[in-house]
Amino acid sequence: MSSKIRVLIADDHAIVREGLRAILEAQPDFEIAGEAVDGQEAVDKTIQLKPDIVIMDLTMPRLNGLEAMRQIKRNDPDARVLVLTMHENDTYFFQVLDAGASGYFIKGGSSAELISALRTVWHGDVFLYPSMAKKLLGDYLKRARMGSDKESYKGLTEREQEILKLIAEGRTNQEIADTLVLSTSTVQTHRAHIMAKLGLHTRTDLVKFAIHRGIITLDKYPPPEQPIP
């Protein structure tokens, strides 16, 4: 069995698929599981080929990427889907997260950023494209100090608030453990407590919570260079 990360590319533009294939095939830990030219084919091939990650365009014929992802997640709730899109608005963003995406990547990003995003998703974490998260932080910063969920956030311990921030920034359990000098099992325990206290059920819910409340900031990320097709 291959130890590589198997990726299904779903995009209706041949030049985009070819570009993504070239980027991934240049990496020693990735392989192409298959390609799909529309949303329905993406659903069918995900069921057939069982890739580790699906790169999904939102605007495709027969079945759009959003509905395709919903069908994929209904069939396999653990499926990892990284949305690749040109849309930079909060309406699409939250629809994508609500559908169960593991990440949201803007097509203006670089190939290095894409590889990083895929590895983040592969490790079970959520990837948020920096410019998108920054925009949402600006839109929702005031809401961070309002609403009933403010009290639930205050109910977290200082350590739990610290770990919540790191999780929302896309850090893996191992990275959090290394940063805070904890064991990974301790981090996992804290994560479970955080989810329970906030009434959240998925990592995506946790990330959305952090964005809405202005808990995370992504100023450390540089602007994208070397755009992919």
Protein backbone atom coordinates (compact mmCIF):
# COMPACT_ATOMS: atom_id res chain seq x y z
CA MET A 1 0.00 0.00 0.00
CA SER A 2 1.28 3.47 -0.89
CA SER A 3 2.38 5.72 1.96
CA LYS A 4 1.87 8.81 -0.17
CA ILE A 5 -0.98 11.29 0.21
CA ARG A 6 -3.45 10.44 -2.54
CA VAL A 7 -5.25 13.45 -4.00
CA LEU A 8 -8.28 13.66 -6.28
CA ILE A 9 -8.37 16.87 -8.36
CA ALA A 10 -11.87 18.14 -9.21
CA ASP A 11 -11.95 21.14 -11.56
CA ASP A 12 -13.66 21.68 -14.91
CA HIS A 13 -10.68 23.55 -16.42
CA ALA A 14 -8.03 21.30 -17.93
CA ILE A 15 -5.27 23.88 -17.47
CA VAL A 16 -6.00 24.07 -13.73
CA ARG A 17 -5.97 20.28 -13.37
CA GLU A 18 -2.70 20.08 -15.32
CA GLY A 19 -1.15 22.78 -13.15
CA LEU A 20 -2.22 21.11 -9.93
CA ARG A 21 -0.99 17.75 -11.17
CA ALA A 22 2.43 19.22 -11.99
CA ILE A 23 2.67 20.86 -8.55
CA LEU A 24 1.74 17.69 -6.68
CA GLU A 25 3.83 15.31 -8.78
CA ALA A 26 6.89 17.41 -7.93
CA GLN A 27 6.40 16.48 -4.26
CA PRO A 28 7.73 13.13 -3.04
CA ASP A 29 4.88 12.56 -0.57
CA PHE A 30 1.95 13.14 -2.96
CA GLU A 31 0.37 11.15 -5.76
CA ILE A 32 -2.63 11.79 -7.99
CA ALA A 33 -5.48 9.39 -7.24
CA GLY A 34 -7.55 10.72 -10.15
CA GLU A 35 -9.23 13.72 -11.76
CA ALA A 36 -12.84 14.85 -12.12
CA VAL A 37 -14.21 17.42 -14.56
CA ASP A 38 -17.53 18.09 -12.80
CA GLY A 39 -19.15 17.75 -9.40
CA GLN A 40 -20.96 14.49 -10.07
CA GLU A 41 -17.77 12.84 -11.29
CA ALA A 42 -16.02 14.14 -8.16
CA VAL A 43 -18.62 12.39 -5.99
CA ASP A 44 -18.43 9.16 -7.98
CA LYS A 45 -14.63 9.03 -8.08
CA THR A 46 -14.30 9.87 -4.38
CA ILE A 47 -16.49 6.86 -3.58
CA GLN A 48 -14.64 4.68 -6.09
CA LEU A 49 -11.02 5.73 -5.48
CA LYS A 50 -11.19 6.75 -1.79
CA PRO A 51 -8.52 9.49 -2.02
CA ASP A 52 -6.96 10.94 1.13
CA ILE A 53 -7.89 14.49 0.05
CA VAL A 54 -10.18 15.96 -2.60
CA ILE A 55 -9.24 19.33 -4.10
CA MET A 56 -12.62 20.75 -5.03
CA ASP A 57 -13.46 23.71 -7.26
CA LEU A 58 -16.76 25.38 -6.35
CA THR A 59 -17.97 26.31 -9.84
CA MET A 60 -18.41 23.16 -11.91
CA PRO A 61 -21.04 21.77 -14.31
CA ARG A 62 -23.63 19.05 -13.59
CA LEU A 63 -23.16 19.44 -9.83
CA ASN A 64 -21.47 22.42 -8.21
CA GLY A 65 -18.59 21.87 -5.83
CA LEU A 66 -20.58 22.80 -2.75
CA GLU A 67 -23.29 20.21 -3.36
CA ALA A 68 -20.69 17.65 -4.45
CA MET A 69 -18.89 18.14 -1.14
CA ARG A 70 -22.14 17.73 0.81
CA GLN A 71 -22.77 14.41 -0.95
CA ILE A 72 -19.20 13.27 -0.33
CA LYS A 73 -19.48 14.12 3.37
CA ARG A 74 -22.84 12.35 3.67
CA ASN A 75 -21.25 9.21 2.22
CA ASP A 76 -18.07 9.56 4.30
CA PRO A 77 -18.13 12.10 7.18
CA ASP A 78 -14.36 11.74 7.58
CA ALA A 79 -13.58 12.67 3.95
CA ARG A 80 -11.12 15.57 3.66
CA VAL A 81 -12.00 18.24 1.11
CA LEU A 82 -9.87 21.30 0.37
CA VAL A 83 -11.91 23.86 -1.55
CA LEU A 84 -9.95 25.69 -4.24
CA THR A 85 -11.78 28.78 -5.44
CA MET A 86 -11.54 32.36 -6.67
CA HIS A 87 -14.38 33.46 -4.38
CA GLU A 88 -13.29 35.69 -1.50
CA ASN A 89 -16.48 36.50 0.34
CA ASP A 90 -17.86 35.40 3.68
CA THR A 91 -21.07 33.93 2.20
CA TYR A 92 -19.18 31.29 0.24
CA PHE A 93 -16.73 30.80 3.08
CA PHE A 94 -19.32 29.86 5.67
CA GLN A 95 -21.32 27.74 3.24
CA VAL A 96 -18.14 25.80 2.54
CA LEU A 97 -17.33 25.32 6.22
CA ASP A 98 -20.92 24.34 7.00
CA ALA A 99 -20.73 21.72 4.24
CA GLY A 100 -17.79 20.15 6.06
CA ALA A 101 -14.71 21.36 4.18
CA SER A 102 -11.31 20.87 5.77
CA GLY A 103 -9.94 23.99 4.14
CA TYR A 104 -10.55 27.03 1.96
CA PHE A 105 -7.81 28.00 -0.48
CA ILE A 106 -7.88 30.98 -2.85
CA LYS A 107 -6.62 30.39 -6.40
CA GLY A 108 -4.28 33.38 -6.13
CA GLY A 109 -2.15 31.46 -3.64
CA SER A 110 1.29 30.07 -4.36
CA SER A 111 2.16 26.44 -5.01
CA ALA A 112 4.13 26.33 -1.73
CA GLU A 113 1.07 27.57 0.17
CA LEU A 114 -1.09 24.95 -1.53
CA ILE A 115 1.25 22.14 -0.51
CA SER A 116 1.26 23.48 3.05
CA ALA A 117 -2.54 23.61 3.02
CA LEU A 118 -2.80 20.01 1.81
CA ARG A 119 -0.40 18.79 4.48
CA THR A 120 -2.37 20.68 7.12
CA VAL A 121 -5.58 19.00 5.97
CA TRP A 122 -3.86 15.61 5.81
CA HIS A 123 -2.85 15.95 9.47
CA GLY A 124 -6.51 16.44 10.38
CA ASP A 125 -6.49 20.20 10.88
CA VAL A 126 -8.41 22.98 9.15
CA PHE A 127 -6.66 25.30 6.70
CA LEU A 128 -7.90 28.88 6.27
CA TYR A 129 -6.38 31.01 3.55
CA PRO A 130 -4.83 34.01 5.39
CA SER A 131 -6.42 36.82 3.38
CA MET A 132 -9.85 35.24 3.82
CA ALA A 133 -9.47 34.86 7.55
CA LYS A 134 -8.20 38.43 7.90
CA LYS A 135 -11.25 39.76 6.09
CA LEU A 136 -13.58 37.77 8.32
CA LEU A 137 -11.76 38.87 11.45
CA GLY A 138 -12.41 42.46 10.47
CA ASP A 139 -16.08 41.76 9.78
CA TYR A 140 -16.69 39.89 13.02
CA LEU A 141 -14.32 41.49 15.52
CA LYS A 142 -17.12 43.44 17.21
CA ARG A 143 -19.17 40.27 17.58
CA ALA A 144 -16.36 38.78 19.65
CA ARG A 145 -17.51 40.96 22.54
CA MET A 146 -21.22 40.26 22.12
CA GLY A 147 -23.66 37.38 22.44
CA SER A 148 -24.31 34.51 24.81
CA ASP A 149 -21.25 32.58 23.64
CA LYS A 150 -19.09 35.24 25.27
CA GLU A 151 -19.82 33.63 28.63
CA SER A 152 -18.99 30.13 27.37
CA TYR A 153 -15.62 31.41 26.15
CA LYS A 154 -14.96 32.99 29.56
CA GLY A 155 -15.64 29.56 31.06
CA LEU A 156 -12.46 28.22 29.49
CA THR A 157 -9.32 28.12 31.59
CA GLU A 158 -6.37 30.28 30.56
CA ARG A 159 -4.61 27.20 29.18
CA GLU A 160 -7.73 26.15 27.24
CA GLN A 161 -8.04 29.63 25.72
CA GLU A 162 -4.39 29.42 24.71
CA ILE A 163 -4.88 26.02 23.08
CA LEU A 164 -8.09 27.15 21.37
CA LYS A 165 -6.18 29.98 19.71
CA LEU A 166 -3.46 27.64 18.49
CA ILE A 167 -5.97 25.11 17.15
CA ALA A 168 -7.81 27.88 15.30
CA GLU A 169 -4.52 29.01 13.75
CA GLY A 170 -4.19 25.56 12.21
CA ARG A 171 -1.57 24.09 14.55
CA THR A 172 -1.47 20.32 14.84
CA ASN A 173 -1.62 18.55 18.20
CA GLN A 174 2.11 17.88 17.97
CA GLU A 175 2.92 21.52 17.19
CA ILE A 176 0.78 22.70 20.11
CA ALA A 177 2.46 20.19 22.40
CA ASP A 178 5.91 21.37 21.31
CA THR A 179 4.97 25.05 21.69
CA LEU A 180 3.48 24.68 25.16
CA VAL A 181 5.82 21.88 26.33
CA LEU A 182 2.99 19.41 26.85
CA SER A 183 2.36 15.84 25.78
CA THR A 184 0.13 15.29 22.76
CA SER A 185 -2.29 13.31 24.97
CA THR A 186 -2.62 16.34 27.26
CA VAL A 187 -3.34 18.55 24.27
CA GLN A 188 -5.99 16.09 23.05
CA THR A 189 -7.61 16.11 26.49
CA HIS A 190 -7.69 19.92 26.56
CA ARG A 191 -9.15 19.92 23.04
CA ALA A 192 -11.97 17.59 24.14
CA HIS A 193 -12.73 19.80 27.15
CA ILE A 194 -12.79 22.93 24.96
CA MET A 195 -15.21 21.35 22.50
CA ALA A 196 -17.48 20.19 25.33
CA LYS A 197 -17.51 23.56 27.13
CA LEU A 198 -18.27 25.49 23.94
CA GLY A 199 -20.87 23.01 22.71
CA LEU A 200 -18.95 22.40 19.49
CA HIS A 201 -18.77 19.10 17.64
CA THR A 202 -16.18 19.44 14.88
CA ARG A 203 -12.86 21.15 14.32
CA THR A 204 -14.55 23.29 11.68
CA ASP A 205 -17.06 24.53 14.29
CA LEU A 206 -14.17 25.46 16.54
CA VAL A 207 -12.41 27.42 13.81
CA LYS A 208 -15.59 29.29 12.93
CA PHE A 209 -16.09 30.10 16.62
CA ALA A 210 -12.58 31.55 16.83
CA ILE A 211 -13.03 33.64 13.69
CA HIS A 212 -16.39 35.00 14.81
CA ARG A 213 -15.02 36.05 18.16
CA GLY A 214 -11.81 37.59 16.85
CA ILE A 215 -9.70 35.10 18.80
CA ILE A 216 -7.25 34.43 15.97
CA THR A 217 -5.13 36.86 14.00
CA LEU A 218 -3.13 35.90 10.93
CA ASP A 219 -0.91 38.95 10.39
CA LYS A 220 2.16 36.74 10.48
CA TYR A 221 1.34 35.25 7.05
CA PRO A 222 3.02 36.91 4.05
CA PRO A 223 1.03 37.91 0.95
CA PRO A 224 0.74 35.20 -1.72
CA GLU A 225 3.34 34.96 -4.45
CA GLN A 226 3.71 32.80 -7.56
CA PRO A 227 -0.03 32.24 -8.16
CA ILE A 228 -1.19 28.84 -9.30
CA PRO A 229 -3.40 28.64 -12.44
